[in-house]
Amino acid sequence: MAHLRETSDKALKLLRTLPRVQIGNLRPNPNSKQNDKRGRAQHGGDKHGAGNKGSGQRQNFMRLGYETGNQPFYLRFPYEPYYKGHHMKRQYPPISLLQLQVLIDTNRIDISHPIDISTLCNSGLLKLKPAEMEYGFQLTDDGLDNFQAKINIEVQHASEAVIAAIEKNGGVIRTAYYDPRSLHMLANPKKWFQKGVPIPSRMLPPQDAVDYYTNPKNRGYLANPEEISQDRLVLAQKYGYQLPKIEDDSAYDMLTTAKDPRQVFYGLEPGWLINIVDKTIIKRKQ
């Protein structure tokens, strides 16, 4: 009886708090009223977005750029000369110093060996698409103050601040050009080696890229090494840091390792054949 009394008290208390029953707050039971409108499934008898009559009803869509008889947009405006050849311009996907430091801290990149396109792609987090006019990576200055690694890295484009950040830590940076075939090899070396084809020679840069890769300020791989050494000192004085001596470093051999202008892979010469199954290297006769 006590239980029933408590239940009735709760019910009466609930009724006291609820609003009075009026016309304005009456609602029918859910799903008690059915729609008498006939139609096609959930669309309610409409045209399903196909409109009324003609080609629109039959979903015969117009070709891209057609404006129903009007002069189209690409003919209505004059020719823009600065768009000429825009689809052929070389692209350089960015990788920041912060991303590079994270890859090093998470052991995805081994800094005891030189770093190039193949090393970055083998990290599993960076991809290069030569078919989409991507000619390598550009190193950006995001995370400039937090970069602390001493590396020997080869990229395709780098700013002055990025070069100073790497050389301040005792590292070496180099900018180099790769032709599309060499980029395909570096982006996926295993796929190339499985073809059983000798490693070809790297092509020289085109005429519009020669000035960049022969400039010592850009640390171009075709620049004079003596001029690069002088510019390293000038850059250290400009940014106010003491340039470490690479000659006294224990990792001198790694820091001074560089590719030949015709070489694609570190340690592999053009003309060599890599056999993955037998794990052998077939060298050509001199």
C-alpha atoms as a PDB file:
ATOM      1  CA  MET A   1       0.000   0.000   0.000  1.00  0.00           C
ATOM      2  CA  ALA A   2       2.872   2.315   0.765  1.00  0.00           C
ATOM      3  CA  HIS A   3       4.248   1.722  -2.706  1.00  0.00           C
ATOM      4  CA  LEU A   4       0.957   2.578  -4.344  1.00  0.00           C
ATOM      5  CA  ARG A   5       0.653   5.699  -2.242  1.00  0.00           C
ATOM      6  CA  GLU A   6       4.117   6.885  -3.344  1.00  0.00           C
ATOM      7  CA  THR A   7       3.266   6.213  -6.967  1.00  0.00           C
ATOM      8  CA  SER A   8       0.011   8.142  -6.740  1.00  0.00           C
ATOM      9  CA  ASP A   9       1.778  11.038  -5.028  1.00  0.00           C
ATOM     10  CA  LYS A  10       4.322  11.207  -7.832  1.00  0.00           C
ATOM     11  CA  ALA A  11       1.562  11.137 -10.440  1.00  0.00           C
ATOM     12  CA  LEU A  12      -0.356  13.951  -8.705  1.00  0.00           C
ATOM     13  CA  LYS A  13       2.828  16.003  -8.358  1.00  0.00           C
ATOM     14  CA  LEU A  14       3.523  15.520 -12.063  1.00  0.00           C
ATOM     15  CA  LEU A  15       0.015  16.638 -12.967  1.00  0.00           C
ATOM     16  CA  ARG A  16       0.397  19.797 -10.895  1.00  0.00           C
ATOM     17  CA  THR A  17       3.538  20.787 -12.838  1.00  0.00           C
ATOM     18  CA  LEU A  18       2.211  19.965 -16.310  1.00  0.00           C
ATOM     19  CA  PRO A  19       0.224  22.582 -18.275  1.00  0.00           C
ATOM     20  CA  ARG A  20      -3.525  22.320 -18.551  1.00  0.00           C
ATOM     21  CA  VAL A  21      -4.994  20.328 -21.436  1.00  0.00           C
ATOM     22  CA  GLN A  22      -6.029  22.794 -24.146  1.00  0.00           C
ATOM     23  CA  ILE A  23      -6.695  22.821 -27.861  1.00  0.00           C
ATOM     24  CA  GLY A  24      -3.297  24.378 -28.429  1.00  0.00           C
ATOM     25  CA  ASN A  25      -1.278  21.549 -26.902  1.00  0.00           C
ATOM     26  CA  LEU A  26      -3.241  18.563 -28.235  1.00  0.00           C
ATOM     27  CA  ARG A  27      -1.404  16.378 -30.736  1.00  0.00           C
ATOM     28  CA  PRO A  28      -2.424  13.170 -32.518  1.00  0.00           C
ATOM     29  CA  ASN A  29      -0.573   9.937 -31.840  1.00  0.00           C
ATOM     30  CA  PRO A  30       2.568   9.369 -33.890  1.00  0.00           C
ATOM     31  CA  ASN A  31       1.908   7.807 -37.326  1.00  0.00           C
ATOM     32  CA  SER A  32      -1.843   7.863 -36.718  1.00  0.00           C
ATOM     33  CA  LYS A  33      -2.534  10.107 -39.721  1.00  0.00           C
ATOM     34  CA  GLN A  34      -1.575   8.893 -43.210  1.00  0.00           C
ATOM     35  CA  ASN A  35      -0.890  11.071 -46.229  1.00  0.00           C
ATOM     36  CA  ASP A  36      -3.515  10.428 -48.933  1.00  0.00           C
ATOM     37  CA  LYS A  37      -1.286  11.902 -51.676  1.00  0.00           C
ATOM     38  CA  ARG A  38      -0.314   9.386 -54.296  1.00  0.00           C
ATOM     39  CA  GLY A  39       3.225   9.467 -55.636  1.00  0.00           C
ATOM     40  CA  ARG A  40       6.451   7.678 -56.397  1.00  0.00           C
ATOM     41  CA  ALA A  41       8.034   6.554 -53.170  1.00  0.00           C
ATOM     42  CA  GLN A  42       9.432   9.412 -51.100  1.00  0.00           C
ATOM     43  CA  HIS A  43       9.270  11.972 -53.905  1.00  0.00           C
ATOM     44  CA  GLY A  44       5.516  12.481 -53.614  1.00  0.00           C
ATOM     45  CA  GLY A  45       4.629  12.394 -57.292  1.00  0.00           C
ATOM     46  CA  ASP A  46       7.143  15.008 -58.492  1.00  0.00           C
ATOM     47  CA  LYS A  47       9.433  14.824 -61.525  1.00  0.00           C
ATOM     48  CA  HIS A  48      12.476  13.521 -59.620  1.00  0.00           C
ATOM     49  CA  GLY A  49      14.488  16.585 -60.591  1.00  0.00           C
ATOM     50  CA  ALA A  50      14.093  15.913 -64.317  1.00  0.00           C
ATOM     51  CA  GLY A  51      11.863  18.885 -65.027  1.00  0.00           C
ATOM     52  CA  ASN A  52       9.066  18.999 -67.644  1.00  0.00           C
ATOM     53  CA  LYS A  53       9.423  17.767 -71.271  1.00  0.00           C
ATOM     54  CA  GLY A  54      12.346  17.807 -73.626  1.00  0.00           C
ATOM     55  CA  SER A  55      15.982  16.840 -73.135  1.00  0.00           C
ATOM     56  CA  GLY A  56      15.904  17.785 -69.457  1.00  0.00           C
ATOM     57  CA  GLN A  57      13.241  15.183 -68.793  1.00  0.00           C
ATOM     58  CA  ARG A  58      15.368  12.535 -70.487  1.00  0.00           C
ATOM     59  CA  GLN A  59      18.497  13.634 -68.595  1.00  0.00           C
ATOM     60  CA  ASN A  60      20.374  14.358 -71.804  1.00  0.00           C
ATOM     61  CA  PHE A  61      22.836  16.677 -70.102  1.00  0.00           C
ATOM     62  CA  MET A  62      24.562  19.389 -72.096  1.00  0.00           C
ATOM     63  CA  ARG A  63      28.291  19.250 -72.667  1.00  0.00           C
ATOM     64  CA  LEU A  64      30.606  21.161 -70.372  1.00  0.00           C
ATOM     65  CA  GLY A  65      30.844  24.821 -71.357  1.00  0.00           C
ATOM     66  CA  TYR A  66      27.654  24.895 -73.473  1.00  0.00           C
ATOM     67  CA  GLU A  67      25.367  27.786 -72.537  1.00  0.00           C
ATOM     68  CA  THR A  68      22.165  26.963 -74.468  1.00  0.00           C
ATOM     69  CA  GLY A  69      23.047  28.884 -77.606  1.00  0.00           C
ATOM     70  CA  ASN A  70      24.770  31.843 -75.978  1.00  0.00           C
ATOM     71  CA  GLN A  71      28.391  32.612 -76.687  1.00  0.00           C
ATOM     72  CA  PRO A  72      30.260  30.578 -74.049  1.00  0.00           C
ATOM     73  CA  PHE A  73      32.388  32.063 -71.314  1.00  0.00           C
ATOM     74  CA  TYR A  74      35.715  30.965 -72.768  1.00  0.00           C
ATOM     75  CA  LEU A  75      34.911  32.763 -76.046  1.00  0.00           C
ATOM     76  CA  ARG A  76      33.230  35.801 -74.502  1.00  0.00           C
ATOM     77  CA  PHE A  77      36.422  37.042 -72.827  1.00  0.00           C
ATOM     78  CA  PRO A  78      39.766  37.832 -74.470  1.00  0.00           C
ATOM     79  CA  TYR A  79      42.866  35.652 -74.344  1.00  0.00           C
ATOM     80  CA  GLU A  80      44.961  35.949 -71.184  1.00  0.00           C
ATOM     81  CA  PRO A  81      48.656  35.587 -72.088  1.00  0.00           C
ATOM     82  CA  TYR A  82      49.823  34.883 -68.529  1.00  0.00           C
ATOM     83  CA  TYR A  83      47.952  31.562 -68.636  1.00  0.00           C
ATOM     84  CA  LYS A  84      50.094  30.352 -71.511  1.00  0.00           C
ATOM     85  CA  GLY A  85      51.798  27.117 -70.553  1.00  0.00           C
ATOM     86  CA  HIS A  86      50.474  27.168 -66.985  1.00  0.00           C
ATOM     87  CA  HIS A  87      49.700  23.450 -67.171  1.00  0.00           C
ATOM     88  CA  MET A  88      53.360  22.758 -67.971  1.00  0.00           C
ATOM     89  CA  LYS A  89      54.868  24.631 -65.029  1.00  0.00           C
ATOM     90  CA  ARG A  90      56.904  22.557 -62.611  1.00  0.00           C
ATOM     91  CA  GLN A  91      55.334  22.073 -59.187  1.00  0.00           C
ATOM     92  CA  TYR A  92      57.222  21.518 -55.928  1.00  0.00           C
ATOM     93  CA  PRO A  93      55.084  20.148 -53.054  1.00  0.00           C
ATOM     94  CA  PRO A  94      56.093  21.797 -49.758  1.00  0.00           C
ATOM     95  CA  ILE A  95      57.590  20.048 -46.756  1.00  0.00           C
ATOM     96  CA  SER A  96      58.282  22.181 -43.708  1.00  0.00           C
ATOM     97  CA  LEU A  97      61.182  22.008 -41.285  1.00  0.00           C
ATOM     98  CA  LEU A  98      58.640  21.114 -38.600  1.00  0.00           C
ATOM     99  CA  GLN A  99      57.453  18.092 -40.588  1.00  0.00           C
ATOM    100  CA  LEU A 100      61.041  17.075 -41.215  1.00  0.00           C
ATOM    101  CA  GLN A 101      61.877  17.310 -37.508  1.00  0.00           C
ATOM    102  CA  VAL A 102      58.834  15.172 -36.646  1.00  0.00           C
ATOM    103  CA  LEU A 103      59.892  12.534 -39.184  1.00  0.00           C
ATOM    104  CA  ILE A 104      63.348  12.473 -37.628  1.00  0.00           C
ATOM    105  CA  ASP A 105      62.039  12.322 -34.038  1.00  0.00           C
ATOM    106  CA  THR A 106      59.705   9.426 -34.900  1.00  0.00           C
ATOM    107  CA  ASN A 107      62.568   7.481 -36.543  1.00  0.00           C
ATOM    108  CA  ARG A 108      60.967   7.559 -39.973  1.00  0.00           C
ATOM    109  CA  ILE A 109      64.137   9.146 -41.345  1.00  0.00           C
ATOM    110  CA  ASP A 110      67.648   8.046 -40.465  1.00  0.00           C
ATOM    111  CA  ILE A 111      69.887  11.118 -40.304  1.00  0.00           C
ATOM    112  CA  SER A 112      73.053   8.998 -40.293  1.00  0.00           C
ATOM    113  CA  HIS A 113      72.596   8.767 -44.080  1.00  0.00           C
ATOM    114  CA  PRO A 114      72.019  11.504 -46.669  1.00  0.00           C
ATOM    115  CA  ILE A 115      68.385  12.456 -47.291  1.00  0.00           C
ATOM    116  CA  ASP A 116      66.931  12.778 -50.778  1.00  0.00           C
ATOM    117  CA  ILE A 117      63.580  12.276 -52.544  1.00  0.00           C
ATOM    118  CA  SER A 118      63.758   8.515 -52.112  1.00  0.00           C
ATOM    119  CA  THR A 119      64.268   8.862 -48.355  1.00  0.00           C
ATOM    120  CA  LEU A 120      61.305  11.217 -47.989  1.00  0.00           C
ATOM    121  CA  CYS A 121      58.985   9.013 -50.051  1.00  0.00           C
ATOM    122  CA  ASN A 122      60.043   5.866 -48.161  1.00  0.00           C
ATOM    123  CA  SER A 123      58.961   7.503 -44.902  1.00  0.00           C
ATOM    124  CA  GLY A 124      55.407   6.533 -45.823  1.00  0.00           C
ATOM    125  CA  LEU A 125      53.961   9.988 -45.112  1.00  0.00           C
ATOM    126  CA  LEU A 126      55.072  11.907 -48.192  1.00  0.00           C
ATOM    127  CA  LYS A 127      54.171  11.203 -51.791  1.00  0.00           C
ATOM    128  CA  LEU A 128      55.497  12.550 -55.051  1.00  0.00           C
ATOM    129  CA  LYS A 129      53.428  12.456 -58.246  1.00  0.00           C
ATOM    130  CA  PRO A 130      55.647  13.124 -61.279  1.00  0.00           C
ATOM    131  CA  ALA A 131      52.663  12.547 -63.593  1.00  0.00           C
ATOM    132  CA  GLU A 132      51.073  15.690 -62.118  1.00  0.00           C
ATOM    133  CA  MET A 133      54.100  17.875 -62.908  1.00  0.00           C
ATOM    134  CA  GLU A 134      55.606  17.481 -59.427  1.00  0.00           C
ATOM    135  CA  TYR A 135      59.367  17.776 -59.801  1.00  0.00           C
ATOM    136  CA  GLY A 136      60.420  17.264 -56.196  1.00  0.00           C
ATOM    137  CA  PHE A 137      60.031  18.911 -52.797  1.00  0.00           C
ATOM    138  CA  GLN A 138      60.573  22.447 -51.577  1.00  0.00           C
ATOM    139  CA  LEU A 139      61.666  22.933 -47.982  1.00  0.00           C
ATOM    140  CA  THR A 140      59.707  25.693 -46.215  1.00  0.00           C
ATOM    141  CA  ASP A 141      60.579  27.631 -43.058  1.00  0.00           C
ATOM    142  CA  ASP A 142      57.631  26.524 -40.889  1.00  0.00           C
ATOM    143  CA  GLY A 143      59.100  25.380 -37.574  1.00  0.00           C
ATOM    144  CA  LEU A 144      62.323  27.226 -38.217  1.00  0.00           C
ATOM    145  CA  ASP A 145      63.132  27.887 -34.556  1.00  0.00           C
ATOM    146  CA  ASN A 146      62.477  24.294 -33.474  1.00  0.00           C
ATOM    147  CA  PHE A 147      64.657  22.542 -36.017  1.00  0.00           C
ATOM    148  CA  GLN A 148      67.712  21.019 -34.330  1.00  0.00           C
ATOM    149  CA  ALA A 149      68.829  18.103 -36.507  1.00  0.00           C
ATOM    150  CA  LYS A 150      72.204  17.914 -38.247  1.00  0.00           C
ATOM    151  CA  ILE A 151      71.481  16.481 -41.666  1.00  0.00           C
ATOM    152  CA  ASN A 152      72.724  16.208 -45.215  1.00  0.00           C
ATOM    153  CA  ILE A 153      69.636  16.826 -47.316  1.00  0.00           C
ATOM    154  CA  GLU A 154      68.958  17.280 -50.999  1.00  0.00           C
ATOM    155  CA  VAL A 155      65.767  19.064 -52.083  1.00  0.00           C
ATOM    156  CA  GLN A 156      64.666  20.887 -55.204  1.00  0.00           C
ATOM    157  CA  HIS A 157      63.945  24.323 -53.759  1.00  0.00           C
ATOM    158  CA  ALA A 158      64.763  26.092 -50.494  1.00  0.00           C
ATOM    159  CA  SER A 159      64.706  29.655 -49.238  1.00  0.00           C
ATOM    160  CA  GLU A 160      67.601  31.515 -47.653  1.00  0.00           C
ATOM    161  CA  ALA A 161      66.169  31.185 -44.137  1.00  0.00           C
ATOM    162  CA  VAL A 162      65.857  27.404 -44.530  1.00  0.00           C
ATOM    163  CA  ILE A 163      69.451  27.130 -45.735  1.00  0.00           C
ATOM    164  CA  ALA A 164      70.639  29.176 -42.745  1.00  0.00           C
ATOM    165  CA  ALA A 165      68.647  27.012 -40.294  1.00  0.00           C
ATOM    166  CA  ILE A 166      70.229  23.787 -41.568  1.00  0.00           C
ATOM    167  CA  GLU A 167      73.779  25.128 -41.793  1.00  0.00           C
ATOM    168  CA  LYS A 168      73.501  26.660 -38.324  1.00  0.00           C
ATOM    169  CA  ASN A 169      73.122  23.136 -36.905  1.00  0.00           C
ATOM    170  CA  GLY A 170      76.185  21.938 -38.798  1.00  0.00           C
ATOM    171  CA  GLY A 171      74.215  20.372 -41.622  1.00  0.00           C
ATOM    172  CA  VAL A 172      74.494  20.541 -45.394  1.00  0.00           C
ATOM    173  CA  ILE A 173      71.740  21.321 -47.888  1.00  0.00           C
ATOM    174  CA  ARG A 174      71.803  21.001 -51.644  1.00  0.00           C
ATOM    175  CA  THR A 175      69.254  21.792 -54.357  1.00  0.00           C
ATOM    176  CA  ALA A 176      69.190  19.489 -57.373  1.00  0.00           C
ATOM    177  CA  TYR A 177      67.101  18.933 -60.486  1.00  0.00           C
ATOM    178  CA  TYR A 178      65.670  15.576 -61.572  1.00  0.00           C
ATOM    179  CA  ASP A 179      64.013  14.774 -64.869  1.00  0.00           C
ATOM    180  CA  PRO A 180      60.597  13.002 -64.852  1.00  0.00           C
ATOM    181  CA  ARG A 181      62.055   9.532 -65.419  1.00  0.00           C
ATOM    182  CA  SER A 182      64.476   9.943 -62.529  1.00  0.00           C
ATOM    183  CA  LEU A 183      61.614  11.192 -60.335  1.00  0.00           C
ATOM    184  CA  HIS A 184      59.593   8.050 -61.071  1.00  0.00           C
ATOM    185  CA  MET A 185      62.603   5.975 -60.030  1.00  0.00           C
ATOM    186  CA  LEU A 186      63.133   7.881 -56.781  1.00  0.00           C
ATOM    187  CA  ALA A 187      59.453   7.902 -55.852  1.00  0.00           C
ATOM    188  CA  ASN A 188      59.269   4.088 -56.082  1.00  0.00           C
ATOM    189  CA  PRO A 189      62.734   2.485 -56.394  1.00  0.00           C
ATOM    190  CA  LYS A 190      61.476  -1.074 -55.860  1.00  0.00           C
ATOM    191  CA  LYS A 191      59.106  -0.846 -58.811  1.00  0.00           C
ATOM    192  CA  TRP A 192      61.935   0.339 -61.050  1.00  0.00           C
ATOM    193  CA  PHE A 193      64.404  -2.326 -59.888  1.00  0.00           C
ATOM    194  CA  GLN A 194      61.822  -5.063 -60.541  1.00  0.00           C
ATOM    195  CA  LYS A 195      61.809  -4.120 -64.223  1.00  0.00           C
ATOM    196  CA  GLY A 196      65.345  -5.449 -64.600  1.00  0.00           C
ATOM    197  CA  VAL A 197      66.500  -2.333 -66.439  1.00  0.00           C
ATOM    198  CA  PRO A 198      69.874  -0.627 -65.866  1.00  0.00           C
ATOM    199  CA  ILE A 199      69.829   2.672 -63.992  1.00  0.00           C
ATOM    200  CA  PRO A 200      69.847   5.515 -66.549  1.00  0.00           C
ATOM    201  CA  SER A 201      71.751   8.748 -66.246  1.00  0.00           C
ATOM    202  CA  ARG A 202      70.059  11.808 -64.818  1.00  0.00           C
ATOM    203  CA  MET A 203      69.301  14.527 -67.332  1.00  0.00           C
ATOM    204  CA  LEU A 204      70.636  18.046 -66.967  1.00  0.00           C
ATOM    205  CA  PRO A 205      68.185  20.838 -66.007  1.00  0.00           C
ATOM    206  CA  PRO A 206      66.308  22.743 -68.718  1.00  0.00           C
ATOM    207  CA  GLN A 207      67.422  26.175 -69.790  1.00  0.00           C
ATOM    208  CA  ASP A 208      65.047  28.056 -67.491  1.00  0.00           C
ATOM    209  CA  ALA A 209      66.358  26.180 -64.411  1.00  0.00           C
ATOM    210  CA  VAL A 210      70.109  26.402 -65.096  1.00  0.00           C
ATOM    211  CA  ASP A 211      70.500  29.773 -63.361  1.00  0.00           C
ATOM    212  CA  TYR A 212      68.918  28.502 -60.151  1.00  0.00           C
ATOM    213  CA  TYR A 213      70.949  25.303 -59.863  1.00  0.00           C
ATOM    214  CA  THR A 214      74.243  26.999 -60.737  1.00  0.00           C
ATOM    215  CA  ASN A 215      73.779  29.737 -58.133  1.00  0.00           C
ATOM    216  CA  PRO A 216      75.828  29.160 -54.925  1.00  0.00           C
ATOM    217  CA  LYS A 217      73.276  31.162 -52.886  1.00  0.00           C
ATOM    218  CA  ASN A 218      70.712  28.464 -53.651  1.00  0.00           C
ATOM    219  CA  ARG A 219      73.287  25.728 -52.894  1.00  0.00           C
ATOM    220  CA  GLY A 220      72.773  24.417 -56.419  1.00  0.00           C
ATOM    221  CA  TYR A 221      74.357  21.106 -57.237  1.00  0.00           C
ATOM    222  CA  LEU A 222      75.988  22.621 -60.345  1.00  0.00           C
ATOM    223  CA  ALA A 223      77.498  25.587 -58.463  1.00  0.00           C
ATOM    224  CA  ASN A 224      81.202  26.034 -57.778  1.00  0.00           C
ATOM    225  CA  PRO A 225      82.061  24.404 -54.396  1.00  0.00           C
ATOM    226  CA  GLU A 226      84.473  27.208 -53.497  1.00  0.00           C
ATOM    227  CA  GLU A 227      81.787  29.825 -54.053  1.00  0.00           C
ATOM    228  CA  ILE A 228      79.408  27.781 -51.897  1.00  0.00           C
ATOM    229  CA  SER A 229      81.968  27.746 -49.055  1.00  0.00           C
ATOM    230  CA  GLN A 230      82.321  31.519 -49.265  1.00  0.00           C
ATOM    231  CA  ASP A 231      78.549  32.030 -49.306  1.00  0.00           C
ATOM    232  CA  ARG A 232      78.191  29.814 -46.222  1.00  0.00           C
ATOM    233  CA  LEU A 233      80.354  32.287 -44.296  1.00  0.00           C
ATOM    234  CA  VAL A 234      78.462  35.272 -45.687  1.00  0.00           C
ATOM    235  CA  LEU A 235      75.133  33.743 -44.677  1.00  0.00           C
ATOM    236  CA  ALA A 236      76.406  32.983 -41.163  1.00  0.00           C
ATOM    237  CA  GLN A 237      77.478  36.616 -40.716  1.00  0.00           C
ATOM    238  CA  LYS A 238      74.127  37.835 -42.054  1.00  0.00           C
ATOM    239  CA  TYR A 239      72.063  35.738 -39.615  1.00  0.00           C
ATOM    240  CA  GLY A 240      74.511  36.079 -36.730  1.00  0.00           C
ATOM    241  CA  TYR A 241      75.562  32.520 -35.907  1.00  0.00           C
ATOM    242  CA  GLN A 242      78.873  30.698 -35.683  1.00  0.00           C
ATOM    243  CA  LEU A 243      79.310  28.379 -38.648  1.00  0.00           C
ATOM    244  CA  PRO A 244      80.331  24.899 -37.400  1.00  0.00           C
ATOM    245  CA  LYS A 245      83.409  23.331 -38.992  1.00  0.00           C
ATOM    246  CA  ILE A 246      82.398  20.289 -40.966  1.00  0.00           C
ATOM    247  CA  GLU A 247      86.032  19.140 -41.173  1.00  0.00           C
ATOM    248  CA  ASP A 248      86.155  18.540 -37.420  1.00  0.00           C
ATOM    249  CA  ASP A 249      82.806  16.735 -37.281  1.00  0.00           C
ATOM    250  CA  SER A 250      82.691  13.002 -36.576  1.00  0.00           C
ATOM    251  CA  ALA A 251      80.083  12.639 -39.344  1.00  0.00           C
ATOM    252  CA  TYR A 252      82.301  14.313 -41.929  1.00  0.00           C
ATOM    253  CA  ASP A 253      81.969  11.487 -44.476  1.00  0.00           C
ATOM    254  CA  MET A 254      78.175  11.581 -44.303  1.00  0.00           C
ATOM    255  CA  LEU A 255      77.965  15.370 -44.511  1.00  0.00           C
ATOM    256  CA  THR A 256      80.241  15.547 -47.555  1.00  0.00           C
ATOM    257  CA  THR A 257      78.494  12.759 -49.468  1.00  0.00           C
ATOM    258  CA  ALA A 258      77.042  14.129 -52.691  1.00  0.00           C
ATOM    259  CA  LYS A 259      75.713  12.743 -55.946  1.00  0.00           C
ATOM    260  CA  ASP A 260      77.281  13.183 -59.325  1.00  0.00           C
ATOM    261  CA  PRO A 261      75.179  15.461 -61.585  1.00  0.00           C
ATOM    262  CA  ARG A 262      74.321  12.370 -63.647  1.00  0.00           C
ATOM    263  CA  GLN A 263      73.665  10.097 -60.660  1.00  0.00           C
ATOM    264  CA  VAL A 264      70.142   9.209 -59.455  1.00  0.00           C
ATOM    265  CA  PHE A 265      70.682   7.062 -56.330  1.00  0.00           C
ATOM    266  CA  TYR A 266      73.267   7.360 -53.589  1.00  0.00           C
ATOM    267  CA  GLY A 267      75.894   4.634 -53.986  1.00  0.00           C
ATOM    268  CA  LEU A 268      74.542   3.387 -57.332  1.00  0.00           C
ATOM    269  CA  GLU A 269      76.118   4.483 -60.585  1.00  0.00           C
ATOM    270  CA  PRO A 270      74.283   4.885 -63.910  1.00  0.00           C
ATOM    271  CA  GLY A 271      74.391   1.688 -65.936  1.00  0.00           C
ATOM    272  CA  TRP A 272      74.281  -0.650 -62.947  1.00  0.00           C
ATOM    273  CA  LEU A 273      71.585  -3.323 -62.791  1.00  0.00           C
ATOM    274  CA  ILE A 274      69.896  -4.156 -59.474  1.00  0.00           C
ATOM    275  CA  ASN A 275      68.599  -7.717 -59.001  1.00  0.00           C
ATOM    276  CA  ILE A 276      66.184  -7.737 -56.067  1.00  0.00           C
ATOM    277  CA  VAL A 277      65.548 -11.505 -56.166  1.00  0.00           C
ATOM    278  CA  ASP A 278      69.227 -12.488 -55.960  1.00  0.00           C
ATOM    279  CA  LYS A 279      70.146  -9.325 -54.031  1.00  0.00           C
ATOM    280  CA  THR A 280      73.035  -8.603 -56.353  1.00  0.00           C
ATOM    281  CA  ILE A 281      74.344  -5.573 -58.253  1.00  0.00           C
ATOM    282  CA  ILE A 282      75.535  -6.094 -61.793  1.00  0.00           C
ATOM    283  CA  LYS A 283      78.064  -3.415 -62.697  1.00  0.00           C
ATOM    284  CA  ARG A 284      78.960  -2.488 -66.210  1.00  0.00           C
ATOM    285  CA  LYS A 285      82.444  -3.002 -67.501  1.00  0.00           C
ATOM    286  CA  GLN A 286      84.684   0.020 -67.704  1.00  0.00           C
END
